[in-house]
């Protein structure tokens, strides 16, 4: 059974705490733009859209150096092996990979789940398909 981080976008307040926690856990930085969750405003309509990685594996299939690998149903990036071509970012059907100018490799969700308990509105959850 496949698992991925999912969101009830309609309940999101746009606080971006999830992005901040992700960046703190993975990069030890107070920089929400390095979070693997994408929070976008629906302006001019109210609300936010949360984009998360569905662990579909398309990114791994296009990586020319096999820097993206599957481990227990989760696709992870070997940042040391990545050459920064960003073919995976272009190929991602969910547009869930983050390209940050200070990083030499893309950022994607590794399903650690650390963000979930910090969401005060219970927007995030682990989905199973």
C-alpha atoms as a PDB file:
ATOM      1  CA  UNK A   1       0.000   0.000   0.000  1.00  0.00           C
ATOM      2  CA  UNK A   2       1.496   3.360  -1.090  1.00  0.00           C
ATOM      3  CA  UNK A   3       1.710   6.251   1.365  1.00  0.00           C
ATOM      4  CA  UNK A   4       2.163   9.978   0.842  1.00  0.00           C
ATOM      5  CA  UNK A   5       1.736  13.285   2.628  1.00  0.00           C
ATOM      6  CA  UNK A   6      -1.667  14.748   1.790  1.00  0.00           C
ATOM      7  CA  UNK A   7      -3.529  17.907   2.781  1.00  0.00           C
ATOM      8  CA  UNK A   8      -7.022  19.238   3.307  1.00  0.00           C
ATOM      9  CA  UNK A   9      -6.231  22.459   1.400  1.00  0.00           C
ATOM     10  CA  UNK A  10      -9.651  23.943   2.116  1.00  0.00           C
ATOM     11  CA  UNK A  11      -8.787  24.084   5.837  1.00  0.00           C
ATOM     12  CA  UNK A  12      -5.344  25.707   5.429  1.00  0.00           C
ATOM     13  CA  UNK A  13      -4.812  29.212   6.859  1.00  0.00           C
ATOM     14  CA  UNK A  14      -1.579  29.774   4.916  1.00  0.00           C
ATOM     15  CA  UNK A  15       0.603  30.095   8.016  1.00  0.00           C
ATOM     16  CA  UNK A  16       3.396  28.015   6.378  1.00  0.00           C
ATOM     17  CA  UNK A  17       4.388  26.413   9.671  1.00  0.00           C
ATOM     18  CA  UNK A  18       4.643  23.110   7.784  1.00  0.00           C
ATOM     19  CA  UNK A  19       7.248  24.602   5.433  1.00  0.00           C
ATOM     20  CA  UNK A  20       9.207  26.059   8.332  1.00  0.00           C
ATOM     21  CA  UNK A  21       9.262  22.763  10.247  1.00  0.00           C
ATOM     22  CA  UNK A  22      10.389  20.923   7.107  1.00  0.00           C
ATOM     23  CA  UNK A  23      13.266  23.364   6.559  1.00  0.00           C
ATOM     24  CA  UNK A  24      14.287  23.204  10.225  1.00  0.00           C
ATOM     25  CA  UNK A  25      14.289  19.393  10.236  1.00  0.00           C
ATOM     26  CA  UNK A  26      16.103  18.884   6.929  1.00  0.00           C
ATOM     27  CA  UNK A  27      18.328  21.957   6.600  1.00  0.00           C
ATOM     28  CA  UNK A  28      18.562  23.299  10.170  1.00  0.00           C
ATOM     29  CA  UNK A  29      17.445  26.669   8.762  1.00  0.00           C
ATOM     30  CA  UNK A  30      14.634  29.082   9.573  1.00  0.00           C
ATOM     31  CA  UNK A  31      13.686  29.318   5.891  1.00  0.00           C
ATOM     32  CA  UNK A  32      10.193  28.156   4.855  1.00  0.00           C
ATOM     33  CA  UNK A  33      11.201  28.402   1.182  1.00  0.00           C
ATOM     34  CA  UNK A  34      13.316  25.287   1.742  1.00  0.00           C
ATOM     35  CA  UNK A  35      10.299  23.293   2.872  1.00  0.00           C
ATOM     36  CA  UNK A  36       9.156  20.370   0.712  1.00  0.00           C
ATOM     37  CA  UNK A  37       5.505  21.400   0.988  1.00  0.00           C
ATOM     38  CA  UNK A  38       4.209  24.068  -1.366  1.00  0.00           C
ATOM     39  CA  UNK A  39       1.630  26.512   0.025  1.00  0.00           C
ATOM     40  CA  UNK A  40       0.101  28.855  -2.580  1.00  0.00           C
ATOM     41  CA  UNK A  41      -2.587  31.455  -2.227  1.00  0.00           C
ATOM     42  CA  UNK A  42      -5.707  31.056  -4.370  1.00  0.00           C
ATOM     43  CA  UNK A  43      -5.983  34.834  -4.886  1.00  0.00           C
ATOM     44  CA  UNK A  44      -8.206  36.508  -5.851  1.00  0.00           C
ATOM     45  CA  UNK A  45     -10.312  33.714  -4.330  1.00  0.00           C
ATOM     46  CA  UNK A  46      -9.911  32.999  -0.598  1.00  0.00           C
ATOM     47  CA  UNK A  47      -7.924  30.047   0.630  1.00  0.00           C
ATOM     48  CA  UNK A  48      -4.737  28.169  -0.137  1.00  0.00           C
ATOM     49  CA  UNK A  49      -3.641  25.209  -2.224  1.00  0.00           C
ATOM     50  CA  UNK A  50      -1.221  22.745  -0.654  1.00  0.00           C
ATOM     51  CA  UNK A  51       0.944  20.718  -3.022  1.00  0.00           C
ATOM     52  CA  UNK A  52       2.699  17.621  -1.733  1.00  0.00           C
ATOM     53  CA  UNK A  53       4.678  14.781  -3.274  1.00  0.00           C
ATOM     54  CA  UNK A  54       2.560  11.700  -3.967  1.00  0.00           C
ATOM     55  CA  UNK A  55       5.644   9.447  -4.133  1.00  0.00           C
ATOM     56  CA  UNK A  56       4.736   8.446  -7.714  1.00  0.00           C
ATOM     57  CA  UNK A  57       8.365   7.868  -8.757  1.00  0.00           C
ATOM     58  CA  UNK A  58       8.358   9.871 -12.003  1.00  0.00           C
ATOM     59  CA  UNK A  59      11.292  11.888 -10.646  1.00  0.00           C
ATOM     60  CA  UNK A  60      13.361   8.736 -10.190  1.00  0.00           C
ATOM     61  CA  UNK A  61      12.545   7.496 -13.678  1.00  0.00           C
ATOM     62  CA  UNK A  62      13.978  10.628 -15.339  1.00  0.00           C
ATOM     63  CA  UNK A  63      17.074  11.119 -13.160  1.00  0.00           C
ATOM     64  CA  UNK A  64      20.109  10.559 -15.427  1.00  0.00           C
ATOM     65  CA  UNK A  65      22.428   9.634 -12.538  1.00  0.00           C
ATOM     66  CA  UNK A  66      19.970   7.642 -10.413  1.00  0.00           C
ATOM     67  CA  UNK A  67      20.264  10.125  -7.549  1.00  0.00           C
ATOM     68  CA  UNK A  68      16.601   9.563  -6.683  1.00  0.00           C
ATOM     69  CA  UNK A  69      15.934   6.171  -5.184  1.00  0.00           C
ATOM     70  CA  UNK A  70      13.022   4.373  -3.579  1.00  0.00           C
ATOM     71  CA  UNK A  71      13.219   3.191   0.014  1.00  0.00           C
ATOM     72  CA  UNK A  72      10.180   1.550   1.608  1.00  0.00           C
ATOM     73  CA  UNK A  73       7.813   3.240  -0.860  1.00  0.00           C
ATOM     74  CA  UNK A  74       9.340   6.703  -0.440  1.00  0.00           C
ATOM     75  CA  UNK A  75      11.448   8.417  -3.095  1.00  0.00           C
ATOM     76  CA  UNK A  76      14.495  10.162  -1.681  1.00  0.00           C
ATOM     77  CA  UNK A  77      17.282  12.253  -3.186  1.00  0.00           C
ATOM     78  CA  UNK A  78      20.936  11.392  -2.706  1.00  0.00           C
ATOM     79  CA  UNK A  79      22.097  15.003  -2.611  1.00  0.00           C
ATOM     80  CA  UNK A  80      25.750  13.968  -3.033  1.00  0.00           C
ATOM     81  CA  UNK A  81      24.970  12.076  -6.216  1.00  0.00           C
ATOM     82  CA  UNK A  82      22.644  14.706  -7.734  1.00  0.00           C
ATOM     83  CA  UNK A  83      24.167  16.766 -10.573  1.00  0.00           C
ATOM     84  CA  UNK A  84      21.571  19.548 -10.332  1.00  0.00           C
ATOM     85  CA  UNK A  85      20.087  19.077 -13.813  1.00  0.00           C
ATOM     86  CA  UNK A  86      16.555  19.456 -12.389  1.00  0.00           C
ATOM     87  CA  UNK A  87      15.064  17.040 -14.948  1.00  0.00           C
ATOM     88  CA  UNK A  88      13.055  15.651 -12.029  1.00  0.00           C
ATOM     89  CA  UNK A  89      11.559  19.057 -11.240  1.00  0.00           C
ATOM     90  CA  UNK A  90      10.401  19.493 -14.841  1.00  0.00           C
ATOM     91  CA  UNK A  91       8.967  15.961 -14.975  1.00  0.00           C
ATOM     92  CA  UNK A  92       7.102  16.009 -11.648  1.00  0.00           C
ATOM     93  CA  UNK A  93       3.386  15.637 -12.492  1.00  0.00           C
ATOM     94  CA  UNK A  94       2.377  17.181  -9.155  1.00  0.00           C
ATOM     95  CA  UNK A  95       4.819  20.117  -9.428  1.00  0.00           C
ATOM     96  CA  UNK A  96       5.784  19.139  -5.892  1.00  0.00           C
ATOM     97  CA  UNK A  97       9.568  19.482  -6.091  1.00  0.00           C
ATOM     98  CA  UNK A  98      11.180  22.676  -4.859  1.00  0.00           C
ATOM     99  CA  UNK A  99      14.083  24.395  -6.549  1.00  0.00           C
ATOM    100  CA  UNK A 100      15.932  26.717  -4.160  1.00  0.00           C
ATOM    101  CA  UNK A 101      18.798  28.903  -5.444  1.00  0.00           C
ATOM    102  CA  UNK A 102      21.014  28.154  -2.432  1.00  0.00           C
ATOM    103  CA  UNK A 103      20.790  24.386  -2.989  1.00  0.00           C
ATOM    104  CA  UNK A 104      22.533  22.255  -5.608  1.00  0.00           C
ATOM    105  CA  UNK A 105      19.790  19.600  -5.554  1.00  0.00           C
ATOM    106  CA  UNK A 106      16.002  19.870  -5.604  1.00  0.00           C
ATOM    107  CA  UNK A 107      13.956  19.466  -2.451  1.00  0.00           C
ATOM    108  CA  UNK A 108      11.163  16.903  -2.149  1.00  0.00           C
ATOM    109  CA  UNK A 109       9.139  15.327   0.618  1.00  0.00           C
ATOM    110  CA  UNK A 110      10.734  12.261   2.187  1.00  0.00           C
ATOM    111  CA  UNK A 111       7.580  11.465   4.162  1.00  0.00           C
ATOM    112  CA  UNK A 112       9.206  12.047   7.543  1.00  0.00           C
ATOM    113  CA  UNK A 113       5.873  13.358   8.884  1.00  0.00           C
ATOM    114  CA  UNK A 114       7.510  15.881  11.217  1.00  0.00           C
ATOM    115  CA  UNK A 115       5.271  18.650   9.860  1.00  0.00           C
ATOM    116  CA  UNK A 116       1.984  16.934  10.752  1.00  0.00           C
ATOM    117  CA  UNK A 117       1.877  17.547  14.532  1.00  0.00           C
ATOM    118  CA  UNK A 118       2.784  21.224  14.071  1.00  0.00           C
ATOM    119  CA  UNK A 119      -0.214  22.029  11.867  1.00  0.00           C
ATOM    120  CA  UNK A 120      -2.658  23.665  14.258  1.00  0.00           C
ATOM    121  CA  UNK A 121      -5.573  23.108  11.874  1.00  0.00           C
ATOM    122  CA  UNK A 122      -4.870  19.402  11.221  1.00  0.00           C
ATOM    123  CA  UNK A 123      -4.536  20.029   7.485  1.00  0.00           C
ATOM    124  CA  UNK A 124      -1.755  17.493   6.882  1.00  0.00           C
ATOM    125  CA  UNK A 125      -2.056  13.727   7.087  1.00  0.00           C
ATOM    126  CA  UNK A 126      -0.532  10.541   5.702  1.00  0.00           C
ATOM    127  CA  UNK A 127      -2.746   9.107   2.957  1.00  0.00           C
ATOM    128  CA  UNK A 128      -2.653   5.499   1.817  1.00  0.00           C
ATOM    129  CA  UNK A 129      -3.682   4.239  -1.593  1.00  0.00           C
END
